[in-house]
């Protein structure tokens, strides 16, 4: 297990582009409790290593924008993973890639590297700020995959949900008096009809309420709250700072420490769960759309895979606004040229010709 001191030292040695790239990503605890997931699960580097290289020296494409090229070059030939695609449904699917997936788009990079996990559609999210890849395990639950798979998914759901709810309940009970002061100030300052007991009692009972307690409403409407009340819910740390009018209130450090412990506990559970079910995860990573029936290959616009240890072969940038965002040659970072790559300007017919090889 890597010590935290080692992690900080490795992070210090990272190129500034890589550190900026990771800092822009969501924090792990936000992934654990995000409403975007039915059942979040992280794939850390040790997990990906255990899955093995799978397929080596695979050609793939990666969608990005001009600003993302510096980072992509910095990550070459490292164990840092990126999301790539190796198959398109048709030419229009390629246009979607040019228009951008998680970026402003306009640039497609051709690479060669090692693929450890692959799905026949967009199964992954972006990496978190520590470089882990996340997926929604619920996508791999299908009646056709048999009882063992269904029970595995159910077991992880119960483990994940119960840990968050139990941890939240224990935190609230241990800090009840301090939290009562915070919530009374919060409610009084806003004239809300909700009582202290409504807030905290709910947070100890359901996963949805525990999520709201830790990270807020995430821009969604919250049951039993008005639109404004829902928007005001940004999580317990900010609630303490705002209610107590003190960015460094002692309870802030307590809440941040609890979030750290909650996150660490969930990662430990995920590592244990993965170790106990590594073979099943390997099967998940190699299944095709036909085997899983999660989505038909006919309807999946593109596949998605995790790639490591890659090298960049070509950089294509868009010059036709009928396809996607236009990129000026001057926007291409100098590091691309220094790495020996001559970027290729692409119009509509050029993209069609390129994507034909990936259909």
Protein backbone atom coordinates (compact mmCIF):
# COMPACT_ATOMS: atom_id res chain seq x y z
CA UNK A 1 0.00 0.00 0.00
CA UNK A 2 1.36 3.41 -0.98
CA UNK A 3 1.97 5.73 1.95
CA UNK A 4 0.41 9.18 1.84
CA UNK A 5 3.89 10.72 1.97
CA UNK A 6 4.84 8.76 -1.16
CA UNK A 7 1.68 9.97 -2.88
CA UNK A 8 2.54 13.60 -2.11
CA UNK A 9 6.10 13.12 -3.35
CA UNK A 10 4.90 11.55 -6.62
CA UNK A 11 2.39 14.35 -7.05
CA UNK A 12 5.12 16.96 -6.49
CA UNK A 13 7.20 15.39 -9.29
CA UNK A 14 4.29 15.38 -11.75
CA UNK A 15 4.46 17.86 -14.63
CA UNK A 16 2.42 20.97 -13.86
CA UNK A 17 -0.04 20.08 -16.65
CA UNK A 18 -0.78 16.72 -15.04
CA UNK A 19 -1.31 18.28 -11.59
CA UNK A 20 -3.67 20.86 -13.09
CA UNK A 21 -5.52 18.11 -14.94
CA UNK A 22 -6.05 16.11 -11.73
CA UNK A 23 -6.96 19.15 -9.64
CA UNK A 24 -9.76 20.00 -12.07
CA UNK A 25 -11.45 16.66 -11.45
CA UNK A 26 -14.12 15.89 -8.87
CA UNK A 27 -13.07 14.69 -5.44
CA UNK A 28 -13.53 10.98 -4.69
CA UNK A 29 -16.23 11.56 -2.05
CA UNK A 30 -18.25 13.45 -4.67
CA UNK A 31 -18.14 10.38 -6.91
CA UNK A 32 -19.11 8.07 -4.07
CA UNK A 33 -22.28 10.05 -3.41
CA UNK A 34 -23.05 11.52 -6.82
CA UNK A 35 -26.63 11.24 -8.08
CA UNK A 36 -25.19 10.57 -11.53
CA UNK A 37 -24.50 6.98 -10.42
CA UNK A 38 -26.84 4.19 -9.51
CA UNK A 39 -23.94 2.18 -8.10
CA UNK A 40 -20.48 3.85 -8.18
CA UNK A 41 -17.32 1.77 -8.23
CA UNK A 42 -13.72 2.99 -8.65
CA UNK A 43 -11.01 1.23 -10.63
CA UNK A 44 -7.73 2.24 -9.03
CA UNK A 45 -4.33 1.58 -10.59
CA UNK A 46 -3.74 -1.54 -8.44
CA UNK A 47 -7.12 -2.87 -9.57
CA UNK A 48 -6.32 -2.18 -13.21
CA UNK A 49 -2.93 -3.86 -12.73
CA UNK A 50 -4.65 -6.94 -11.37
CA UNK A 51 -6.92 -7.03 -14.40
CA UNK A 52 -3.73 -7.32 -16.44
CA UNK A 53 -2.89 -5.58 -19.64
CA UNK A 54 -5.62 -7.41 -21.49
CA UNK A 55 -4.84 -6.27 -25.00
CA UNK A 56 -1.46 -4.75 -25.80
CA UNK A 57 -0.45 -2.32 -28.55
CA UNK A 58 -4.05 -1.49 -29.45
CA UNK A 59 -4.82 1.40 -31.78
CA UNK A 60 -7.48 3.77 -30.46
CA UNK A 61 -8.83 7.31 -30.69
CA UNK A 62 -9.27 9.90 -27.96
CA UNK A 63 -11.52 12.97 -28.08
CA UNK A 64 -10.20 16.20 -26.56
CA UNK A 65 -9.66 19.90 -27.26
CA UNK A 66 -6.52 21.89 -28.00
CA UNK A 67 -6.04 22.69 -24.33
CA UNK A 68 -6.00 19.01 -23.40
CA UNK A 69 -3.08 18.10 -25.64
CA UNK A 70 -0.37 19.23 -23.19
CA UNK A 71 -1.73 16.89 -20.55
CA UNK A 72 -2.15 14.03 -23.00
CA UNK A 73 1.50 14.34 -24.02
CA UNK A 74 2.62 14.48 -20.38
CA UNK A 75 0.74 11.26 -19.60
CA UNK A 76 2.40 9.28 -22.40
CA UNK A 77 4.13 6.02 -21.42
CA UNK A 78 2.85 6.21 -17.84
CA UNK A 79 0.40 4.14 -15.82
CA UNK A 80 -2.08 7.04 -15.80
CA UNK A 81 -5.22 5.92 -17.59
CA UNK A 82 -7.26 7.72 -20.21
CA UNK A 83 -10.56 6.93 -21.86
CA UNK A 84 -10.40 5.90 -25.54
CA UNK A 85 -12.65 4.38 -28.18
CA UNK A 86 -11.79 1.69 -30.73
CA UNK A 87 -15.05 1.40 -32.64
CA UNK A 88 -17.69 3.74 -34.05
CA UNK A 89 -21.22 2.92 -35.13
CA UNK A 90 -21.02 5.17 -38.18
CA UNK A 91 -19.59 8.43 -39.46
CA UNK A 92 -22.03 10.53 -37.43
CA UNK A 93 -20.72 8.81 -34.28
CA UNK A 94 -17.28 10.13 -35.23
CA UNK A 95 -18.74 13.61 -35.52
CA UNK A 96 -19.97 13.26 -31.93
CA UNK A 97 -16.39 12.59 -30.89
CA UNK A 98 -15.18 15.69 -32.75
CA UNK A 99 -17.86 17.77 -31.04
CA UNK A 100 -16.39 16.78 -27.68
CA UNK A 101 -16.85 14.25 -24.89
CA UNK A 102 -16.14 15.94 -21.52
CA UNK A 103 -14.17 18.68 -23.35
CA UNK A 104 -14.85 21.48 -25.82
CA UNK A 105 -13.86 19.11 -28.63
CA UNK A 106 -12.31 19.85 -31.99
CA UNK A 107 -9.35 17.47 -31.62
CA UNK A 108 -9.05 13.71 -32.14
CA UNK A 109 -5.85 11.95 -31.12
CA UNK A 110 -4.78 8.58 -32.48
CA UNK A 111 -2.85 6.48 -29.97
CA UNK A 112 -1.42 3.05 -29.36
CA UNK A 113 -1.32 1.45 -25.92
CA UNK A 114 -2.51 -1.23 -23.51
CA UNK A 115 -6.21 -1.74 -22.81
CA UNK A 116 -7.19 -3.16 -19.42
CA UNK A 117 -10.97 -2.71 -19.36
CA UNK A 118 -13.36 -2.28 -22.22
CA UNK A 119 -17.08 -1.83 -22.76
CA UNK A 120 -19.18 -1.69 -25.87
CA UNK A 121 -20.52 1.73 -25.00
CA UNK A 122 -19.71 4.75 -22.83
CA UNK A 123 -19.37 2.97 -19.47
CA UNK A 124 -16.90 5.25 -17.70
CA UNK A 125 -16.87 8.72 -16.25
CA UNK A 126 -13.92 11.06 -16.23
CA UNK A 127 -11.17 10.32 -13.74
CA UNK A 128 -11.35 11.79 -10.27
CA UNK A 129 -8.68 14.17 -8.94
CA UNK A 130 -6.49 11.23 -7.92
CA UNK A 131 -6.60 9.59 -11.36
CA UNK A 132 -9.03 6.75 -10.63
CA UNK A 133 -11.53 5.70 -13.27
CA UNK A 134 -15.13 5.28 -12.14
CA UNK A 135 -17.96 3.20 -13.55
CA UNK A 136 -21.55 2.45 -12.64
CA UNK A 137 -21.72 -1.24 -11.74
CA UNK A 138 -25.47 -1.21 -12.26
CA UNK A 139 -24.77 -1.24 -16.00
CA UNK A 140 -23.40 -4.77 -15.68
CA UNK A 141 -26.49 -6.18 -14.02
CA UNK A 142 -28.64 -8.06 -16.49
CA UNK A 143 -30.91 -11.10 -16.09
CA UNK A 144 -29.08 -12.86 -18.93
CA UNK A 145 -25.80 -12.74 -17.00
CA UNK A 146 -27.02 -15.23 -14.39
CA UNK A 147 -27.63 -15.34 -10.68
CA UNK A 148 -23.95 -14.97 -9.70
CA UNK A 149 -23.65 -11.60 -11.44
CA UNK A 150 -26.95 -10.35 -10.06
CA UNK A 151 -25.98 -11.35 -6.52
CA UNK A 152 -22.56 -9.69 -6.91
CA UNK A 153 -24.17 -6.39 -7.94
CA UNK A 154 -26.71 -6.64 -5.13
CA UNK A 155 -23.98 -7.37 -2.56
CA UNK A 156 -22.01 -4.29 -3.57
CA UNK A 157 -25.13 -2.12 -3.53
CA UNK A 158 -25.94 -3.17 0.04
CA UNK A 159 -22.32 -2.80 1.17
CA UNK A 160 -21.96 0.69 -0.31
CA UNK A 161 -25.35 1.99 0.82
CA UNK A 162 -25.22 0.59 4.36
CA UNK A 163 -21.71 1.91 4.96
CA UNK A 164 -22.65 5.48 4.01
CA UNK A 165 -25.90 5.47 6.02
CA UNK A 166 -24.30 3.87 9.11
CA UNK A 167 -21.28 6.20 8.98
CA UNK A 168 -23.57 9.23 8.67
CA UNK A 169 -25.72 8.10 11.59
CA UNK A 170 -22.67 7.62 13.81
CA UNK A 171 -21.19 11.00 12.85
CA UNK A 172 -24.43 12.83 13.63
CA UNK A 173 -24.87 11.06 16.96
CA UNK A 174 -21.27 11.80 17.97
CA UNK A 175 -21.58 15.51 17.12
CA UNK A 176 -25.24 16.08 17.88
CA UNK A 177 -24.94 19.15 20.09
CA UNK A 178 -22.57 20.98 17.74
CA UNK A 179 -24.69 20.10 14.72
CA UNK A 180 -27.84 21.25 16.49
CA UNK A 181 -26.25 24.69 16.94
CA UNK A 182 -25.31 24.78 13.23
CA UNK A 183 -28.73 23.73 12.00
CA UNK A 184 -30.62 26.03 14.33
CA UNK A 185 -28.53 28.97 13.03
CA UNK A 186 -29.01 27.78 9.44
CA UNK A 187 -32.78 27.51 9.78
CA UNK A 188 -33.20 30.74 11.76
CA UNK A 189 -31.19 32.79 9.26
CA UNK A 190 -33.35 31.59 6.37
CA UNK A 191 -36.73 31.35 8.01
CA UNK A 192 -37.16 27.78 6.77
CA UNK A 193 -40.12 25.74 7.92
CA UNK A 194 -37.96 22.63 8.20
CA UNK A 195 -36.86 21.82 11.74
CA UNK A 196 -33.50 20.65 12.99
CA UNK A 197 -34.99 17.20 13.61
CA UNK A 198 -36.36 17.00 10.05
CA UNK A 199 -32.89 17.60 8.63
CA UNK A 200 -30.81 15.33 10.83
CA UNK A 201 -33.29 12.53 11.42
CA UNK A 202 -33.68 12.05 7.69
CA UNK A 203 -29.91 12.05 7.13
CA UNK A 204 -29.56 8.98 9.35
CA UNK A 205 -32.20 6.89 7.57
CA UNK A 206 -31.72 6.83 3.80
CA UNK A 207 -28.90 6.98 1.27
CA UNK A 208 -30.53 9.91 -0.51
CA UNK A 209 -30.66 11.98 2.68
CA UNK A 210 -27.12 11.02 3.67
CA UNK A 211 -25.93 12.23 0.26
CA UNK A 212 -27.64 15.57 0.84
CA UNK A 213 -26.07 15.84 4.28
CA UNK A 214 -22.51 15.38 2.98
CA UNK A 215 -22.48 16.96 -0.48
CA UNK A 216 -25.80 18.76 -0.88
CA UNK A 217 -28.42 18.59 -3.58
CA UNK A 218 -25.94 18.69 -6.50
CA UNK A 219 -28.30 21.01 -8.37
CA UNK A 220 -31.30 18.65 -8.10
CA UNK A 221 -34.59 19.26 -6.38
CA UNK A 222 -34.70 17.63 -2.94
CA UNK A 223 -37.89 15.97 -1.73
CA UNK A 224 -39.65 18.13 0.85
CA UNK A 225 -37.69 21.27 -0.02
CA UNK A 226 -38.38 24.27 -2.21
CA UNK A 227 -36.20 25.06 -5.21
CA UNK A 228 -34.24 27.66 -3.24
CA UNK A 229 -33.80 25.36 -0.25
CA UNK A 230 -32.51 22.66 -2.60
CA UNK A 231 -30.02 25.04 -4.20
CA UNK A 232 -28.83 26.20 -0.77
CA UNK A 233 -27.91 22.63 0.19
CA UNK A 234 -24.22 22.35 -0.70
CA UNK A 235 -23.09 19.91 2.00
CA UNK A 236 -22.24 19.96 5.66
CA UNK A 237 -18.83 21.67 5.40
CA UNK A 238 -20.20 24.78 3.69
CA UNK A 239 -23.30 24.68 5.86
CA UNK A 240 -21.12 24.98 8.99
CA UNK A 241 -19.07 27.82 7.49
CA UNK A 242 -22.14 29.78 6.40
CA UNK A 243 -24.31 29.15 9.45
CA UNK A 244 -21.55 29.94 11.92
CA UNK A 245 -20.08 32.73 9.75
CA UNK A 246 -16.65 31.21 10.23
CA UNK A 247 -14.60 29.49 7.50
CA UNK A 248 -12.38 27.91 10.15
CA UNK A 249 -14.97 26.93 12.72
CA UNK A 250 -13.68 23.89 14.71
CA UNK A 251 -16.52 21.72 13.40
CA UNK A 252 -15.32 22.30 9.81
CA UNK A 253 -12.15 20.32 10.50
CA UNK A 254 -14.20 17.59 12.17
CA UNK A 255 -16.51 17.32 9.14
CA UNK A 256 -13.61 17.31 6.67
CA UNK A 257 -11.89 14.59 8.68
CA UNK A 258 -15.10 12.58 8.65
CA UNK A 259 -15.38 12.91 4.87
CA UNK A 260 -11.81 11.65 4.58
CA UNK A 261 -12.59 8.67 6.82
CA UNK A 262 -15.83 7.97 4.95
CA UNK A 263 -14.00 8.00 1.63
CA UNK A 264 -11.14 5.84 2.89
CA UNK A 265 -13.56 3.32 4.35
CA UNK A 266 -15.41 3.03 1.05
CA UNK A 267 -12.17 2.58 -0.89
CA UNK A 268 -11.08 -0.15 1.52
CA UNK A 269 -14.42 -1.91 1.00
CA UNK A 270 -14.09 -1.54 -2.79
CA UNK A 271 -10.57 -2.99 -2.78
CA UNK A 272 -11.75 -5.96 -0.67
CA UNK A 273 -14.79 -6.49 -2.87
CA UNK A 274 -12.67 -6.35 -6.01
CA UNK A 275 -10.12 -8.81 -4.60
CA UNK A 276 -12.88 -11.27 -3.74
CA UNK A 277 -14.45 -10.95 -7.20
CA UNK A 278 -11.48 -10.22 -9.49
CA UNK A 279 -12.37 -12.94 -11.99
CA UNK A 280 -15.88 -11.58 -12.42
CA UNK A 281 -14.49 -8.07 -12.97
CA UNK A 282 -12.16 -9.47 -15.63
CA UNK A 283 -15.16 -10.97 -17.40
CA UNK A 284 -17.00 -7.65 -17.21
CA UNK A 285 -14.06 -5.91 -18.83
CA UNK A 286 -13.97 -8.27 -21.79
CA UNK A 287 -17.69 -8.75 -22.46
CA UNK A 288 -19.24 -7.51 -25.67
CA UNK A 289 -22.57 -5.83 -26.19
CA UNK A 290 -23.96 -9.05 -27.64
CA UNK A 291 -23.03 -11.00 -24.49
CA UNK A 292 -24.33 -8.47 -22.00
CA UNK A 293 -27.37 -7.20 -23.88
CA UNK A 294 -26.91 -3.91 -21.95
CA UNK A 295 -27.03 -2.08 -25.22
CA UNK A 296 -27.10 -3.21 -28.81
CA UNK A 297 -24.01 -2.67 -30.91
CA UNK A 298 -26.37 -1.22 -33.50
CA UNK A 299 -27.35 1.60 -31.13
CA UNK A 300 -24.10 2.20 -29.24
CA UNK A 301 -22.46 5.23 -30.85
CA UNK A 302 -18.99 4.09 -29.77
CA UNK A 303 -17.25 1.73 -27.38
CA UNK A 304 -15.05 2.87 -24.50
CA UNK A 305 -11.89 1.46 -22.97
CA UNK A 306 -9.29 2.34 -20.35
CA UNK A 307 -5.85 2.72 -21.89
CA UNK A 308 -2.44 2.97 -20.19
CA UNK A 309 1.17 3.12 -21.38
CA UNK A 310 0.17 4.79 -24.63
CA UNK A 311 2.05 6.72 -27.25
CA UNK A 312 0.53 9.36 -29.51
CA UNK A 313 0.65 8.57 -33.20
CA UNK A 314 -1.34 11.38 -34.81
CA UNK A 315 -3.19 14.56 -33.84
CA UNK A 316 -6.14 15.69 -35.98
CA UNK A 317 -7.79 19.08 -35.53
CA UNK A 318 -11.07 20.29 -36.98
CA UNK A 319 -11.32 23.19 -39.44
CA UNK A 320 -14.94 22.69 -40.54
CA UNK A 321 -17.68 24.18 -38.34
CA UNK A 322 -20.28 21.90 -39.98
CA UNK A 323 -18.63 19.00 -38.13
CA UNK A 324 -17.78 20.56 -34.77
CA UNK A 325 -15.81 23.32 -33.03
CA UNK A 326 -13.13 24.81 -35.25
CA UNK A 327 -9.55 24.74 -33.99
CA UNK A 328 -6.94 27.18 -35.26
CA UNK A 329 -3.46 25.86 -35.95
CA UNK A 330 -2.11 28.47 -33.53
CA UNK A 331 -4.16 26.85 -30.74
CA UNK A 332 -2.15 23.64 -30.95
CA UNK A 333 0.40 23.61 -28.06
CA UNK A 334 4.06 23.82 -29.02
CA UNK A 335 4.66 20.57 -27.07
CA UNK A 336 2.87 18.66 -29.82
CA UNK A 337 5.44 19.78 -32.37
CA UNK A 338 8.32 19.24 -29.95
CA UNK A 339 7.21 15.63 -29.52
CA UNK A 340 7.73 15.10 -33.24
CA UNK A 341 4.07 15.12 -34.26
CA UNK A 342 2.78 17.23 -37.13
CA UNK A 343 -0.91 17.99 -36.48
CA UNK A 344 -3.26 17.32 -39.40
CA UNK A 345 -6.01 19.80 -40.35
CA UNK A 346 -9.33 18.05 -41.06
CA UNK A 347 -12.40 19.05 -43.06
CA UNK A 348 -15.68 17.14 -43.36
CA UNK A 349 -14.42 14.77 -46.09
CA UNK A 350 -11.18 14.14 -44.17
CA UNK A 351 -13.10 13.11 -41.05
CA UNK A 352 -15.34 10.82 -43.07
CA UNK A 353 -12.29 9.10 -44.59
CA UNK A 354 -10.58 8.74 -41.17
CA UNK A 355 -13.63 7.38 -39.36
CA UNK A 356 -14.32 4.83 -42.09
CA UNK A 357 -11.43 2.77 -40.71
CA UNK A 358 -13.04 2.71 -37.23
CA UNK A 359 -16.56 1.65 -38.19
